[in-house]
Amino acid sequence: MFGMAETPATDGAAPRVTLFSRRDCHLCDTARRAVRAVCEPDGVAWAEVDIDTDPGLQDRYGELVPVVTVDGVQVGYWRIDPERIRSALH
């Protein structure tokens, strides 16, 4: 699945983890699996944003995708390490 994948927070808060990606990106597919593996078992809210839908995001992330942020802080790009996501969540 691609696009605005999301596991919503149960309390209505913004997602803690955001995956910035783009279509037809094999690294993004791998990053999506990593984010799901870390977030979904513990019910951590996450969202995926296609940077190509927003010129500002294209300018900011450009060729760095995939990029993962936790609570608004970038924790990885290109090759996403699930352990870095876990560490940032704790």
PDB file of N, CA and C in Angstrom:
ATOM      1  N   MET A   1       0.844  -1.178   0.000  1.00  0.00           N
ATOM      2  CA  MET A   1       0.000   0.000   0.000  1.00  0.00           C
ATOM      3  C   MET A   1       0.887   1.239   0.000  1.00  0.00           C
ATOM      4  N   PHE A   2       0.455   2.251  -0.701  1.00  0.00           N
ATOM      5  CA  PHE A   2       1.226   3.493  -0.754  1.00  0.00           C
ATOM      6  C   PHE A   2       0.315   4.670  -0.494  1.00  0.00           C
ATOM      7  N   GLY A   3       0.892   5.726   0.025  1.00  0.00           N
ATOM      8  CA  GLY A   3       0.136   6.944   0.232  1.00  0.00           C
ATOM      9  C   GLY A   3       0.023   7.263   1.692  1.00  0.00           C
ATOM     10  N   MET A   4      -1.159   7.589   2.124  1.00  0.00           N
ATOM     11  CA  MET A   4      -1.357   8.037   3.491  1.00  0.00           C
ATOM     12  C   MET A   4      -1.700   6.860   4.403  1.00  0.00           C
ATOM     13  N   ALA A   5      -0.800   5.886   4.458  1.00  0.00           N
ATOM     14  CA  ALA A   5      -0.983   4.785   5.396  1.00  0.00           C
ATOM     15  C   ALA A   5      -0.895   5.366   6.793  1.00  0.00           C
ATOM     16  N   GLU A   6      -1.715   4.849   7.675  1.00  0.00           N
ATOM     17  CA  GLU A   6      -1.682   5.445   9.004  1.00  0.00           C
ATOM     18  C   GLU A   6      -2.261   4.494  10.033  1.00  0.00           C
ATOM     19  N   THR A   7      -1.635   4.479  11.180  1.00  0.00           N
ATOM     20  CA  THR A   7      -2.198   3.853  12.360  1.00  0.00           C
ATOM     21  C   THR A   7      -2.504   4.997  13.306  1.00  0.00           C
ATOM     22  N   PRO A   8      -3.777   5.376  13.439  1.00  0.00           N
ATOM     23  CA  PRO A   8      -4.103   6.569  14.227  1.00  0.00           C
ATOM     24  C   PRO A   8      -3.868   6.365  15.716  1.00  0.00           C
ATOM     25  N   ALA A   9      -3.548   7.447  16.394  1.00  0.00           N
ATOM     26  CA  ALA A   9      -3.405   7.424  17.844  1.00  0.00           C
ATOM     27  C   ALA A   9      -4.793   7.265  18.447  1.00  0.00           C
ATOM     28  N   THR A  10      -4.889   6.489  19.505  1.00  0.00           N
ATOM     29  CA  THR A  10      -6.190   6.262  20.118  1.00  0.00           C
ATOM     30  C   THR A  10      -6.684   7.485  20.857  1.00  0.00           C
ATOM     31  N   ASP A  11      -5.791   8.384  21.258  1.00  0.00           N
ATOM     32  CA  ASP A  11      -6.214   9.575  21.988  1.00  0.00           C
ATOM     33  C   ASP A  11      -6.387  10.789  21.072  1.00  0.00           C
ATOM     34  N   GLY A  12      -6.320  10.579  19.750  1.00  0.00           N
ATOM     35  CA  GLY A  12      -6.501  11.663  18.802  1.00  0.00           C
ATOM     36  C   GLY A  12      -5.249  12.495  18.565  1.00  0.00           C
ATOM     37  N   ALA A  13      -4.144  12.135  19.190  1.00  0.00           N
ATOM     38  CA  ALA A  13      -2.890  12.874  19.017  1.00  0.00           C
ATOM     39  C   ALA A  13      -2.304  12.604  17.635  1.00  0.00           C
ATOM     40  N   ALA A  14      -1.398  13.471  17.230  1.00  0.00           N
ATOM     41  CA  ALA A  14      -0.715  13.288  15.944  1.00  0.00           C
ATOM     42  C   ALA A  14       0.148  12.030  16.002  1.00  0.00           C
ATOM     43  N   PRO A  15       0.388  11.408  14.863  1.00  0.00           N
ATOM     44  CA  PRO A  15       1.246  10.231  14.841  1.00  0.00           C
ATOM     45  C   PRO A  15       2.646  10.557  15.371  1.00  0.00           C
ATOM     46  N   ARG A  16       3.234   9.644  16.130  1.00  0.00           N
ATOM     47  CA  ARG A  16       4.583   9.844  16.658  1.00  0.00           C
ATOM     48  C   ARG A  16       5.634   9.619  15.585  1.00  0.00           C
ATOM     49  N   VAL A  17       5.359   8.700  14.664  1.00  0.00           N
ATOM     50  CA  VAL A  17       6.327   8.343  13.632  1.00  0.00           C
ATOM     51  C   VAL A  17       5.765   8.753  12.276  1.00  0.00           C
ATOM     52  N   THR A  18       6.599   9.409  11.482  1.00  0.00           N
ATOM     53  CA  THR A  18       6.203   9.779  10.126  1.00  0.00           C
ATOM     54  C   THR A  18       7.253   9.256   9.159  1.00  0.00           C
ATOM     55  N   LEU A  19       6.778   8.594   8.118  1.00  0.00           N
ATOM     56  CA  LEU A  19       7.623   8.113   7.034  1.00  0.00           C
ATOM     57  C   LEU A  19       7.364   9.008   5.832  1.00  0.00           C
ATOM     58  N   PHE A  20       8.391   9.738   5.402  1.00  0.00           N
ATOM     59  CA  PHE A  20       8.303  10.555   4.189  1.00  0.00           C
ATOM     60  C   PHE A  20       8.854   9.708   3.059  1.00  0.00           C
ATOM     61  N   SER A  21       8.051   9.540   2.019  1.00  0.00           N
ATOM     62  CA  SER A  21       8.406   8.616   0.940  1.00  0.00           C
ATOM     63  C   SER A  21       7.940   9.167  -0.400  1.00  0.00           C
ATOM     64  N   ARG A  22       8.157   8.361  -1.415  1.00  0.00           N
ATOM     65  CA  ARG A  22       7.624   8.690  -2.740  1.00  0.00           C
ATOM     66  C   ARG A  22       7.320   7.385  -3.469  1.00  0.00           C
ATOM     67  N   ARG A  23       6.509   7.504  -4.479  1.00  0.00           N
ATOM     68  CA  ARG A  23       6.090   6.362  -5.290  1.00  0.00           C
ATOM     69  C   ARG A  23       7.296   5.783  -6.044  1.00  0.00           C
ATOM     70  N   ASP A  24       7.247   4.469  -6.264  1.00  0.00           N
ATOM     71  CA  ASP A  24       8.278   3.766  -7.046  1.00  0.00           C
ATOM     72  C   ASP A  24       9.663   3.896  -6.421  1.00  0.00           C
ATOM     73  N   CYS A  25       9.739   3.771  -5.123  1.00  0.00           N
ATOM     74  CA  CYS A  25      10.996   3.893  -4.377  1.00  0.00           C
ATOM     75  C   CYS A  25      11.193   2.593  -3.606  1.00  0.00           C
ATOM     76  N   HIS A  26      12.146   1.772  -4.033  1.00  0.00           N
ATOM     77  CA  HIS A  26      12.338   0.486  -3.362  1.00  0.00           C
ATOM     78  C   HIS A  26      12.816   0.651  -1.923  1.00  0.00           C
ATOM     79  N   LEU A  27      13.606   1.681  -1.640  1.00  0.00           N
ATOM     80  CA  LEU A  27      14.018   1.926  -0.259  1.00  0.00           C
ATOM     81  C   LEU A  27      12.825   2.323   0.606  1.00  0.00           C
ATOM     82  N   CYS A  28      11.858   3.010   0.009  1.00  0.00           N
ATOM     83  CA  CYS A  28      10.647   3.395   0.738  1.00  0.00           C
ATOM     84  C   CYS A  28       9.825   2.161   1.109  1.00  0.00           C
ATOM     85  N   ASP A  29       9.779   1.185   0.214  1.00  0.00           N
ATOM     86  CA  ASP A  29       9.066  -0.059   0.511  1.00  0.00           C
ATOM     87  C   ASP A  29       9.695  -0.761   1.710  1.00  0.00           C
ATOM     88  N   THR A  30      11.017  -0.804   1.741  1.00  0.00           N
ATOM     89  CA  THR A  30      11.735  -1.421   2.862  1.00  0.00           C
ATOM     90  C   THR A  30      11.521  -0.627   4.141  1.00  0.00           C
ATOM     91  N   ALA A  31      11.572   0.692   4.046  1.00  0.00           N
ATOM     92  CA  ALA A  31      11.363   1.553   5.214  1.00  0.00           C
ATOM     93  C   ALA A  31       9.958   1.374   5.777  1.00  0.00           C
ATOM     94  N   ARG A  32       8.965   1.248   4.906  1.00  0.00           N
ATOM     95  CA  ARG A  32       7.572   1.055   5.340  1.00  0.00           C
ATOM     96  C   ARG A  32       7.452  -0.223   6.166  1.00  0.00           C
ATOM     97  N   ARG A  33       8.112  -1.280   5.716  1.00  0.00           N
ATOM     98  CA  ARG A  33       8.085  -2.540   6.467  1.00  0.00           C
ATOM     99  C   ARG A  33       8.744  -2.360   7.836  1.00  0.00           C
ATOM    100  N   ALA A  34       9.837  -1.617   7.888  1.00  0.00           N
ATOM    101  CA  ALA A  34      10.535  -1.382   9.156  1.00  0.00           C
ATOM    102  C   ALA A  34       9.654  -0.584  10.115  1.00  0.00           C
ATOM    103  N   VAL A  35       9.017   0.461   9.612  1.00  0.00           N
ATOM    104  CA  VAL A  35       8.146   1.286  10.460  1.00  0.00           C
ATOM    105  C   VAL A  35       6.987   0.457  10.989  1.00  0.00           C
ATOM    106  N   ARG A  36       6.364  -0.311  10.117  1.00  0.00           N
ATOM    107  CA  ARG A  36       5.255  -1.167  10.562  1.00  0.00           C
ATOM    108  C   ARG A  36       5.713  -2.158  11.622  1.00  0.00           C
ATOM    109  N   ALA A  37       6.869  -2.772  11.404  1.00  0.00           N
ATOM    110  CA  ALA A  37       7.378  -3.777  12.341  1.00  0.00           C
ATOM    111  C   ALA A  37       7.630  -3.195  13.721  1.00  0.00           C
ATOM    112  N   VAL A  38       8.041  -1.939  13.777  1.00  0.00           N
ATOM    113  CA  VAL A  38       8.307  -1.291  15.064  1.00  0.00           C
ATOM    114  C   VAL A  38       7.018  -0.746  15.677  1.00  0.00           C
ATOM    115  N   CYS A  39       6.206  -0.085  14.890  1.00  0.00           N
ATOM    116  CA  CYS A  39       5.055   0.649  15.418  1.00  0.00           C
ATOM    117  C   CYS A  39       3.823  -0.213  15.681  1.00  0.00           C
ATOM    118  N   GLU A  40       3.458  -1.030  14.745  1.00  0.00           N
ATOM    119  CA  GLU A  40       2.165  -1.704  14.835  1.00  0.00           C
ATOM    120  C   GLU A  40       2.037  -2.667  16.014  1.00  0.00           C
ATOM    121  N   PRO A  41       3.050  -3.465  16.356  1.00  0.00           N
ATOM    122  CA  PRO A  41       2.875  -4.371  17.502  1.00  0.00           C
ATOM    123  C   PRO A  41       2.587  -3.644  18.822  1.00  0.00           C
ATOM    124  N   ASP A  42       3.119  -2.441  18.969  1.00  0.00           N
ATOM    125  CA  ASP A  42       2.929  -1.680  20.209  1.00  0.00           C
ATOM    126  C   ASP A  42       1.851  -0.609  20.097  1.00  0.00           C
ATOM    127  N   GLY A  43       1.182  -0.553  18.946  1.00  0.00           N
ATOM    128  CA  GLY A  43       0.111   0.428  18.768  1.00  0.00           C
ATOM    129  C   GLY A  43       0.595   1.869  18.667  1.00  0.00           C
ATOM    130  N   VAL A  44       1.828   2.054  18.208  1.00  0.00           N
ATOM    131  CA  VAL A  44       2.379   3.403  18.047  1.00  0.00           C
ATOM    132  C   VAL A  44       1.803   4.010  16.766  1.00  0.00           C
ATOM    133  N   ALA A  45       1.243   5.194  16.892  1.00  0.00           N
ATOM    134  CA  ALA A  45       0.649   5.868  15.735  1.00  0.00           C
ATOM    135  C   ALA A  45       1.732   6.294  14.759  1.00  0.00           C
ATOM    136  N   TRP A  46       1.498   6.032  13.462  1.00  0.00           N
ATOM    137  CA  TRP A  46       2.437   6.444  12.424  1.00  0.00           C
ATOM    138  C   TRP A  46       1.662   6.844  11.188  1.00  0.00           C
ATOM    139  N   ALA A  47       2.326   7.624  10.352  1.00  0.00           N
ATOM    140  CA  ALA A  47       1.718   8.075   9.101  1.00  0.00           C
ATOM    141  C   ALA A  47       2.779   8.067   8.013  1.00  0.00           C
ATOM    142  N   GLU A  48       2.334   7.900   6.794  1.00  0.00           N
ATOM    143  CA  GLU A  48       3.222   7.968   5.634  1.00  0.00           C
ATOM    144  C   GLU A  48       2.790   9.138   4.775  1.00  0.00           C
ATOM    145  N   VAL A  49       3.760   9.950   4.370  1.00  0.00           N
ATOM    146  CA  VAL A  49       3.484  11.136   3.570  1.00  0.00           C
ATOM    147  C   VAL A  49       4.283  11.061   2.274  1.00  0.00           C
ATOM    148  N   ASP A  50       3.589  11.188   1.154  1.00  0.00           N
ATOM    149  CA  ASP A  50       4.214  11.216  -0.170  1.00  0.00           C
ATOM    150  C   ASP A  50       4.754  12.626  -0.402  1.00  0.00           C
ATOM    151  N   ILE A  51       6.084  12.780  -0.428  1.00  0.00           N
ATOM    152  CA  ILE A  51       6.669  14.118  -0.562  1.00  0.00           C
ATOM    153  C   ILE A  51       6.346  14.761  -1.903  1.00  0.00           C
ATOM    154  N   ASP A  52       6.004  13.954  -2.897  1.00  0.00           N
ATOM    155  CA  ASP A  52       5.729  14.506  -4.220  1.00  0.00           C
ATOM    156  C   ASP A  52       4.378  15.216  -4.300  1.00  0.00           C
ATOM    157  N   THR A  53       3.611  15.187  -3.208  1.00  0.00           N
ATOM    158  CA  THR A  53       2.336  15.897  -3.188  1.00  0.00           C
ATOM    159  C   THR A  53       2.483  17.300  -2.616  1.00  0.00           C
ATOM    160  N   ASP A  54       3.708  17.657  -2.202  1.00  0.00           N
ATOM    161  CA  ASP A  54       3.924  18.945  -1.537  1.00  0.00           C
ATOM    162  C   ASP A  54       5.292  19.508  -1.952  1.00  0.00           C
ATOM    163  N   PRO A  55       5.309  20.615  -2.703  1.00  0.00           N
ATOM    164  CA  PRO A  55       6.583  21.188  -3.146  1.00  0.00           C
ATOM    165  C   PRO A  55       7.544  21.506  -1.990  1.00  0.00           C
ATOM    166  N   GLY A  56       7.010  21.915  -0.845  1.00  0.00           N
ATOM    167  CA  GLY A  56       7.862  22.201   0.303  1.00  0.00           C
ATOM    168  C   GLY A  56       8.570  20.958   0.810  1.00  0.00           C
ATOM    169  N   LEU A  57       7.845  19.842   0.837  1.00  0.00           N
ATOM    170  CA  LEU A  57       8.460  18.577   1.257  1.00  0.00           C
ATOM    171  C   LEU A  57       9.463  18.089   0.217  1.00  0.00           C
ATOM    172  N   GLN A  58       9.165  18.313  -1.063  1.00  0.00           N
ATOM    173  CA  GLN A  58      10.121  17.958  -2.115  1.00  0.00           C
ATOM    174  C   GLN A  58      11.419  18.721  -1.913  1.00  0.00           C
ATOM    175  N   ASP A  59      11.312  20.013  -1.634  1.00  0.00           N
ATOM    176  CA  ASP A  59      12.508  20.834  -1.403  1.00  0.00           C
ATOM    177  C   ASP A  59      13.271  20.366  -0.173  1.00  0.00           C
ATOM    178  N   ARG A  60      12.539  20.042   0.875  1.00  0.00           N
ATOM    179  CA  ARG A  60      13.179  19.676   2.143  1.00  0.00           C
ATOM    180  C   ARG A  60      13.857  18.315   2.081  1.00  0.00           C
ATOM    181  N   TYR A  61      13.159  17.306   1.528  1.00  0.00           N
ATOM    182  CA  TYR A  61      13.675  15.937   1.573  1.00  0.00           C
ATOM    183  C   TYR A  61      14.274  15.442   0.266  1.00  0.00           C
ATOM    184  N   GLY A  62      13.843  15.994  -0.855  1.00  0.00           N
ATOM    185  CA  GLY A  62      14.406  15.675  -2.160  1.00  0.00           C
ATOM    186  C   GLY A  62      14.842  14.232  -2.329  1.00  0.00           C
ATOM    187  N   GLU A  63      16.133  14.042  -2.494  1.00  0.00           N
ATOM    188  CA  GLU A  63      16.689  12.707  -2.739  1.00  0.00           C
ATOM    189  C   GLU A  63      17.011  11.939  -1.462  1.00  0.00           C
ATOM    190  N   LEU A  64      16.636  12.462  -0.296  1.00  0.00           N
ATOM    191  CA  LEU A  64      16.915  11.765   0.965  1.00  0.00           C
ATOM    192  C   LEU A  64      15.923  10.652   1.272  1.00  0.00           C
ATOM    193  N   VAL A  65      14.776  10.642   0.595  1.00  0.00           N
ATOM    194  CA  VAL A  65      13.740   9.672   0.937  1.00  0.00           C
ATOM    195  C   VAL A  65      14.249   8.251   0.779  1.00  0.00           C
ATOM    196  N   PRO A  66      13.761   7.363   1.614  1.00  0.00           N
ATOM    197  CA  PRO A  66      12.807   7.620   2.681  1.00  0.00           C
ATOM    198  C   PRO A  66      13.454   8.320   3.872  1.00  0.00           C
ATOM    199  N   VAL A  67      12.642   9.099   4.560  1.00  0.00           N
ATOM    200  CA  VAL A  67      13.052   9.778   5.786  1.00  0.00           C
ATOM    201  C   VAL A  67      12.043   9.400   6.864  1.00  0.00           C
ATOM    202  N   VAL A  68      12.536   9.086   8.057  1.00  0.00           N
ATOM    203  CA  VAL A  68      11.658   8.774   9.177  1.00  0.00           C
ATOM    204  C   VAL A  68      11.905   9.786  10.287  1.00  0.00           C
ATOM    205  N   THR A  69      10.802  10.322  10.829  1.00  0.00           N
ATOM    206  CA  THR A  69      10.894  11.190  11.993  1.00  0.00           C
ATOM    207  C   THR A  69      10.109  10.556  13.142  1.00  0.00           C
ATOM    208  N   VAL A  70      10.577  10.810  14.356  1.00  0.00           N
ATOM    209  CA  VAL A  70       9.864  10.401  15.567  1.00  0.00           C
ATOM    210  C   VAL A  70       9.655  11.670  16.379  1.00  0.00           C
ATOM    211  N   ASP A  71       8.402  11.956  16.649  1.00  0.00           N
ATOM    212  CA  ASP A  71       8.048  13.181  17.380  1.00  0.00           C
ATOM    213  C   ASP A  71       8.667  14.415  16.722  1.00  0.00           C
ATOM    214  N   GLY A  72       8.702  14.411  15.388  1.00  0.00           N
ATOM    215  CA  GLY A  72       9.192  15.549  14.623  1.00  0.00           C
ATOM    216  C   GLY A  72      10.693  15.627  14.449  1.00  0.00           C
ATOM    217  N   VAL A  73      11.439  14.678  15.005  1.00  0.00           N
ATOM    218  CA  VAL A  73      12.900  14.676  14.909  1.00  0.00           C
ATOM    219  C   VAL A  73      13.332  13.584  13.935  1.00  0.00           C
ATOM    220  N   GLN A  74      14.132  13.957  12.953  1.00  0.00           N
ATOM    221  CA  GLN A  74      14.606  12.990  11.972  1.00  0.00           C
ATOM    222  C   GLN A  74      15.506  11.952  12.631  1.00  0.00           C
ATOM    223  N   VAL A  75      15.175  10.671  12.428  1.00  0.00           N
ATOM    224  CA  VAL A  75      15.974   9.595  13.003  1.00  0.00           C
ATOM    225  C   VAL A  75      16.639   8.717  11.947  1.00  0.00           C
ATOM    226  N   GLY A  76      16.345   8.976  10.676  1.00  0.00           N
ATOM    227  CA  GLY A  76      16.993   8.193   9.631  1.00  0.00           C
ATOM    228  C   GLY A  76      16.543   8.605   8.252  1.00  0.00           C
ATOM    229  N   TYR A  77      17.383   8.255   7.287  1.00  0.00           N
ATOM    230  CA  TYR A  77      17.038   8.451   5.882  1.00  0.00           C
ATOM    231  C   TYR A  77      17.752   7.391   5.065  1.00  0.00           C
ATOM    232  N   TRP A  78      17.323   7.207   3.830  1.00  0.00           N
ATOM    233  CA  TRP A  78      17.771   6.164   2.902  1.00  0.00           C
ATOM    234  C   TRP A  78      17.537   4.774   3.466  1.00  0.00           C
ATOM    235  N   ARG A  79      18.460   4.265   4.229  1.00  0.00           N
ATOM    236  CA  ARG A  79      18.314   2.917   4.806  1.00  0.00           C
ATOM    237  C   ARG A  79      17.884   3.078   6.263  1.00  0.00           C
ATOM    238  N   ILE A  80      16.644   2.707   6.528  1.00  0.00           N
ATOM    239  CA  ILE A  80      16.040   2.947   7.833  1.00  0.00           C
ATOM    240  C   ILE A  80      16.338   1.777   8.773  1.00  0.00           C
ATOM    241  N   ASP A  81      16.892   2.109   9.927  1.00  0.00           N
ATOM    242  CA  ASP A  81      17.253   1.124  10.946  1.00  0.00           C
ATOM    243  C   ASP A  81      16.128   1.037  11.982  1.00  0.00           C
ATOM    244  N   PRO A  82      15.454  -0.114  12.074  1.00  0.00           N
ATOM    245  CA  PRO A  82      14.370  -0.250  13.045  1.00  0.00           C
ATOM    246  C   PRO A  82      14.812   0.034  14.484  1.00  0.00           C
ATOM    247  N   GLU A  83      16.036  -0.293  14.818  1.00  0.00           N
ATOM    248  CA  GLU A  83      16.515  -0.055  16.186  1.00  0.00           C
ATOM    249  C   GLU A  83      16.598   1.435  16.507  1.00  0.00           C
ATOM    250  N   ARG A  84      16.930   2.244  15.532  1.00  0.00           N
ATOM    251  CA  ARG A  84      16.959   3.703  15.756  1.00  0.00           C
ATOM    252  C   ARG A  84      15.553   4.235  16.017  1.00  0.00           C
ATOM    253  N   ILE A  85      14.568   3.665  15.332  1.00  0.00           N
ATOM    254  CA  ILE A  85      13.187   4.074  15.571  1.00  0.00           C
ATOM    255  C   ILE A  85      12.786   3.665  16.991  1.00  0.00           C
ATOM    256  N   ARG A  86      13.072   2.415  17.355  1.00  0.00           N
ATOM    257  CA  ARG A  86      12.734   1.937  18.706  1.00  0.00           C
ATOM    258  C   ARG A  86      13.374   2.806  19.778  1.00  0.00           C
ATOM    259  N   SER A  87      14.646   3.110  19.607  1.00  0.00           N
ATOM    260  CA  SER A  87      15.357   3.928  20.597  1.00  0.00           C
ATOM    261  C   SER A  87      14.737   5.318  20.719  1.00  0.00           C
ATOM    262  N   ALA A  88      14.352   5.892  19.597  1.00  0.00           N
ATOM    263  CA  ALA A  88      13.765   7.228  19.617  1.00  0.00           C
ATOM    264  C   ALA A  88      12.382   7.234  20.271  1.00  0.00           C
ATOM    265  N   LEU A  89      11.701   6.117  20.226  1.00  0.00           N
ATOM    266  CA  LEU A  89      10.368   6.019  20.824  1.00  0.00           C
ATOM    267  C   LEU A  89      10.417   5.879  22.339  1.00  0.00           C
ATOM    268  N   HIS A  90      11.553   5.503  22.879  1.00  0.00           N
ATOM    269  CA  HIS A  90      11.653   5.289  24.338  1.00  0.00           C
ATOM    270  C   HIS A  90      12.365   6.397  25.044  1.00  0.00           C
TER     271      HIS A  90
END
